[in-house]
Amino acid sequence: MLAAHYFAILHLHVACVILSGTLFGARGLMRLNGLALAHHRALRIASYLIDTVLLGAAILLTLIIHQYPLVNGWLSMKLGLLVLYIVLGSLALKRAREPRARALAFVGALLCYGFIISIALTKRPLGVIALLPGL
């Protein structure tokens, strides 16, 4: 039943990845520039909604393709990086007090985001690094 909806769920997941990353990037830049808009209720709620749909679609996709975190290496790496991304994102948007710490956390979160996408595209735990010659 779910398999018949695979491409719809996949497209929803990818759309949410793009929306989530774009919103995080925008909020992070606002936060780094001291704009209160970064913490606007509507942006926070939009972020929670997008990320909830993103996670739900991800769970459905794992069920459809029968590959699971802690069983398949590439999904395990994505899950680990997702946790790191959430921690760094929290530091960048609210928890870090110093501007330098916020900036470093923001850059680290963006790097995690990019690497998660790299892993998703290659289905390899090392993402595009695994495609480099000699690896």
C-alpha atoms as a PDB file:
ATOM      1  CA  MET A   1       0.000   0.000   0.000  1.00  0.00           C
ATOM      2  CA  LEU A   2       2.669   2.529   1.007  1.00  0.00           C
ATOM      3  CA  ALA A   3       4.920   1.475  -1.869  1.00  0.00           C
ATOM      4  CA  ALA A   4       2.359   2.789  -4.358  1.00  0.00           C
ATOM      5  CA  HIS A   5       2.894   6.238  -2.857  1.00  0.00           C
ATOM      6  CA  TYR A   6       6.703   6.036  -2.771  1.00  0.00           C
ATOM      7  CA  PHE A   7       7.387   8.840  -5.261  1.00  0.00           C
ATOM      8  CA  ALA A   8       4.809  11.174  -3.708  1.00  0.00           C
ATOM      9  CA  ILE A   9       6.333  10.613  -0.251  1.00  0.00           C
ATOM     10  CA  LEU A  10       9.852  11.004  -1.651  1.00  0.00           C
ATOM     11  CA  HIS A  11       8.946  14.311  -3.325  1.00  0.00           C
ATOM     12  CA  LEU A  12       7.284  15.534  -0.121  1.00  0.00           C
ATOM     13  CA  HIS A  13      10.423  14.575   1.819  1.00  0.00           C
ATOM     14  CA  VAL A  14      12.739  16.369  -0.623  1.00  0.00           C
ATOM     15  CA  ALA A  15      10.518  19.470  -0.631  1.00  0.00           C
ATOM     16  CA  CYS A  16      10.600  19.540   3.166  1.00  0.00           C
ATOM     17  CA  VAL A  17      14.396  19.131   3.169  1.00  0.00           C
ATOM     18  CA  ILE A  18      14.673  22.193   0.916  1.00  0.00           C
ATOM     19  CA  LEU A  19      12.143  24.219   2.922  1.00  0.00           C
ATOM     20  CA  SER A  20      13.692  23.246   6.247  1.00  0.00           C
ATOM     21  CA  GLY A  21      17.229  24.103   5.164  1.00  0.00           C
ATOM     22  CA  THR A  22      16.154  27.372   3.568  1.00  0.00           C
ATOM     23  CA  LEU A  23      14.219  28.446   6.639  1.00  0.00           C
ATOM     24  CA  PHE A  24      17.070  27.464   8.960  1.00  0.00           C
ATOM     25  CA  GLY A  25      19.553  29.356   6.791  1.00  0.00           C
ATOM     26  CA  ALA A  26      17.368  32.467   6.743  1.00  0.00           C
ATOM     27  CA  ARG A  27      16.719  32.356  10.492  1.00  0.00           C
ATOM     28  CA  GLY A  28      20.405  31.733  11.185  1.00  0.00           C
ATOM     29  CA  LEU A  29      21.452  34.744   9.114  1.00  0.00           C
ATOM     30  CA  MET A  30      18.815  36.878  10.849  1.00  0.00           C
ATOM     31  CA  ARG A  31      20.074  35.699  14.244  1.00  0.00           C
ATOM     32  CA  LEU A  32      23.686  36.452  13.341  1.00  0.00           C
ATOM     33  CA  ASN A  33      22.619  39.962  12.310  1.00  0.00           C
ATOM     34  CA  GLY A  34      20.707  40.509  15.544  1.00  0.00           C
ATOM     35  CA  LEU A  35      17.268  40.635  13.950  1.00  0.00           C
ATOM     36  CA  ALA A  36      14.420  39.736  16.310  1.00  0.00           C
ATOM     37  CA  LEU A  37      12.486  38.336  13.339  1.00  0.00           C
ATOM     38  CA  ALA A  38      14.608  35.172  13.659  1.00  0.00           C
ATOM     39  CA  HIS A  39      12.500  34.260  16.703  1.00  0.00           C
ATOM     40  CA  HIS A  40       9.112  35.266  15.315  1.00  0.00           C
ATOM     41  CA  ARG A  41       6.412  32.824  16.361  1.00  0.00           C
ATOM     42  CA  ALA A  42       5.261  32.195  12.780  1.00  0.00           C
ATOM     43  CA  LEU A  43       8.778  31.211  11.674  1.00  0.00           C
ATOM     44  CA  ARG A  44       9.227  28.907  14.655  1.00  0.00           C
ATOM     45  CA  ILE A  45       5.863  27.225  14.057  1.00  0.00           C
ATOM     46  CA  ALA A  46       6.605  26.874  10.329  1.00  0.00           C
ATOM     47  CA  SER A  47       9.923  25.260  11.203  1.00  0.00           C
ATOM     48  CA  TYR A  48       8.281  22.770  13.577  1.00  0.00           C
ATOM     49  CA  LEU A  49       5.586  21.886  11.039  1.00  0.00           C
ATOM     50  CA  ILE A  50       8.030  21.429   8.160  1.00  0.00           C
ATOM     51  CA  ASP A  51      10.397  19.339  10.275  1.00  0.00           C
ATOM     52  CA  THR A  52       7.541  17.165  11.565  1.00  0.00           C
ATOM     53  CA  VAL A  53       6.348  16.423   8.024  1.00  0.00           C
ATOM     54  CA  LEU A  54       9.971  15.834   6.985  1.00  0.00           C
ATOM     55  CA  LEU A  55      10.496  13.304   9.771  1.00  0.00           C
ATOM     56  CA  GLY A  56       7.175  11.580   9.071  1.00  0.00           C
ATOM     57  CA  ALA A  57       8.023  11.232   5.384  1.00  0.00           C
ATOM     58  CA  ALA A  58      11.484   9.917   6.295  1.00  0.00           C
ATOM     59  CA  ILE A  59       9.982   7.232   8.518  1.00  0.00           C
ATOM     60  CA  LEU A  60       7.544   6.198   5.783  1.00  0.00           C
ATOM     61  CA  LEU A  61      10.386   6.005   3.253  1.00  0.00           C
ATOM     62  CA  THR A  62      12.451   3.738   5.506  1.00  0.00           C
ATOM     63  CA  LEU A  63       9.452   1.438   5.850  1.00  0.00           C
ATOM     64  CA  ILE A  64       8.911   1.358   2.084  1.00  0.00           C
ATOM     65  CA  ILE A  65      12.538   0.663   1.144  1.00  0.00           C
ATOM     66  CA  HIS A  66      13.138  -1.672   4.110  1.00  0.00           C
ATOM     67  CA  GLN A  67      16.322   0.072   5.160  1.00  0.00           C
ATOM     68  CA  TYR A  68      16.627   1.318   8.707  1.00  0.00           C
ATOM     69  CA  PRO A  69      18.955   3.429  10.860  1.00  0.00           C
ATOM     70  CA  LEU A  70      21.276   1.352  13.048  1.00  0.00           C
ATOM     71  CA  VAL A  71      20.970  -1.449  10.450  1.00  0.00           C
ATOM     72  CA  ASN A  72      22.062   0.305   7.243  1.00  0.00           C
ATOM     73  CA  GLY A  73      25.228   2.366   7.484  1.00  0.00           C
ATOM     74  CA  TRP A  74      24.157   5.289   5.348  1.00  0.00           C
ATOM     75  CA  LEU A  75      20.935   5.797   7.332  1.00  0.00           C
ATOM     76  CA  SER A  76      22.818   5.439  10.604  1.00  0.00           C
ATOM     77  CA  MET A  77      25.197   8.192   9.517  1.00  0.00           C
ATOM     78  CA  LYS A  78      22.287  10.409   8.446  1.00  0.00           C
ATOM     79  CA  LEU A  79      20.615   9.902  11.819  1.00  0.00           C
ATOM     80  CA  GLY A  80      23.809  10.721  13.720  1.00  0.00           C
ATOM     81  CA  LEU A  81      24.370  13.842  11.639  1.00  0.00           C
ATOM     82  CA  LEU A  82      20.731  14.836  12.113  1.00  0.00           C
ATOM     83  CA  VAL A  83      21.211  14.788  15.887  1.00  0.00           C
ATOM     84  CA  LEU A  84      24.384  16.891  15.513  1.00  0.00           C
ATOM     85  CA  TYR A  85      22.554  19.257  13.135  1.00  0.00           C
ATOM     86  CA  ILE A  86      19.772  19.748  15.707  1.00  0.00           C
ATOM     87  CA  VAL A  87      22.247  20.453  18.509  1.00  0.00           C
ATOM     88  CA  LEU A  88      24.271  22.901  16.394  1.00  0.00           C
ATOM     89  CA  GLY A  89      21.091  24.533  15.083  1.00  0.00           C
ATOM     90  CA  SER A  90      19.839  25.033  18.623  1.00  0.00           C
ATOM     91  CA  LEU A  91      23.144  26.644  19.561  1.00  0.00           C
ATOM     92  CA  ALA A  92      23.089  28.860  16.482  1.00  0.00           C
ATOM     93  CA  LEU A  93      19.515  30.054  16.912  1.00  0.00           C
ATOM     94  CA  LYS A  94      19.105  30.326  20.673  1.00  0.00           C
ATOM     95  CA  ARG A  95      21.505  28.686  23.102  1.00  0.00           C
ATOM     96  CA  ALA A  96      24.925  30.156  22.255  1.00  0.00           C
ATOM     97  CA  ARG A  97      25.458  33.503  23.959  1.00  0.00           C
ATOM     98  CA  GLU A  98      28.538  34.726  22.114  1.00  0.00           C
ATOM     99  CA  PRO A  99      28.250  35.854  18.459  1.00  0.00           C
ATOM    100  CA  ARG A 100      31.341  33.828  17.513  1.00  0.00           C
ATOM    101  CA  ALA A 101      29.893  30.652  19.050  1.00  0.00           C
ATOM    102  CA  ARG A 102      26.582  31.266  17.235  1.00  0.00           C
ATOM    103  CA  ALA A 103      28.425  31.744  13.950  1.00  0.00           C
ATOM    104  CA  LEU A 104      30.515  28.585  14.389  1.00  0.00           C
ATOM    105  CA  ALA A 105      27.437  26.562  15.327  1.00  0.00           C
ATOM    106  CA  PHE A 106      25.573  27.975  12.300  1.00  0.00           C
ATOM    107  CA  VAL A 107      28.366  27.033   9.900  1.00  0.00           C
ATOM    108  CA  GLY A 108      28.674  23.591  11.514  1.00  0.00           C
ATOM    109  CA  ALA A 109      24.927  23.020  11.186  1.00  0.00           C
ATOM    110  CA  LEU A 110      25.001  24.022   7.517  1.00  0.00           C
ATOM    111  CA  LEU A 111      27.907  21.632   6.913  1.00  0.00           C
ATOM    112  CA  CYS A 112      25.924  18.824   8.589  1.00  0.00           C
ATOM    113  CA  TYR A 113      22.905  19.683   6.446  1.00  0.00           C
ATOM    114  CA  GLY A 114      24.981  19.493   3.265  1.00  0.00           C
ATOM    115  CA  PHE A 115      26.621  16.250   4.294  1.00  0.00           C
ATOM    116  CA  ILE A 116      23.250  14.677   5.116  1.00  0.00           C
ATOM    117  CA  ILE A 117      22.104  15.542   1.588  1.00  0.00           C
ATOM    118  CA  SER A 118      25.337  14.115   0.186  1.00  0.00           C
ATOM    119  CA  ILE A 119      24.698  10.825   2.002  1.00  0.00           C
ATOM    120  CA  ALA A 120      21.092  10.732   0.799  1.00  0.00           C
ATOM    121  CA  LEU A 121      22.152  11.198  -2.813  1.00  0.00           C
ATOM    122  CA  THR A 122      24.946   8.609  -2.757  1.00  0.00           C
ATOM    123  CA  LYS A 123      23.420   6.122  -0.260  1.00  0.00           C
ATOM    124  CA  ARG A 124      26.922   5.816   1.237  1.00  0.00           C
ATOM    125  CA  PRO A 125      27.926   6.641   4.825  1.00  0.00           C
ATOM    126  CA  LEU A 126      30.720   8.928   3.607  1.00  0.00           C
ATOM    127  CA  GLY A 127      28.569  10.674   1.018  1.00  0.00           C
ATOM    128  CA  VAL A 128      30.516  12.350  -1.780  1.00  0.00           C
ATOM    129  CA  ILE A 129      33.758  11.660   0.067  1.00  0.00           C
ATOM    130  CA  ALA A 130      33.290   7.993  -0.851  1.00  0.00           C
ATOM    131  CA  LEU A 131      33.307   8.980  -4.526  1.00  0.00           C
ATOM    132  CA  LEU A 132      36.773  10.518  -4.363  1.00  0.00           C
ATOM    133  CA  PRO A 133      39.497   8.570  -6.182  1.00  0.00           C
ATOM    134  CA  GLY A 134      41.410   6.140  -3.978  1.00  0.00           C
ATOM    135  CA  LEU A 135      38.644   5.609  -1.421  1.00  0.00           C
END
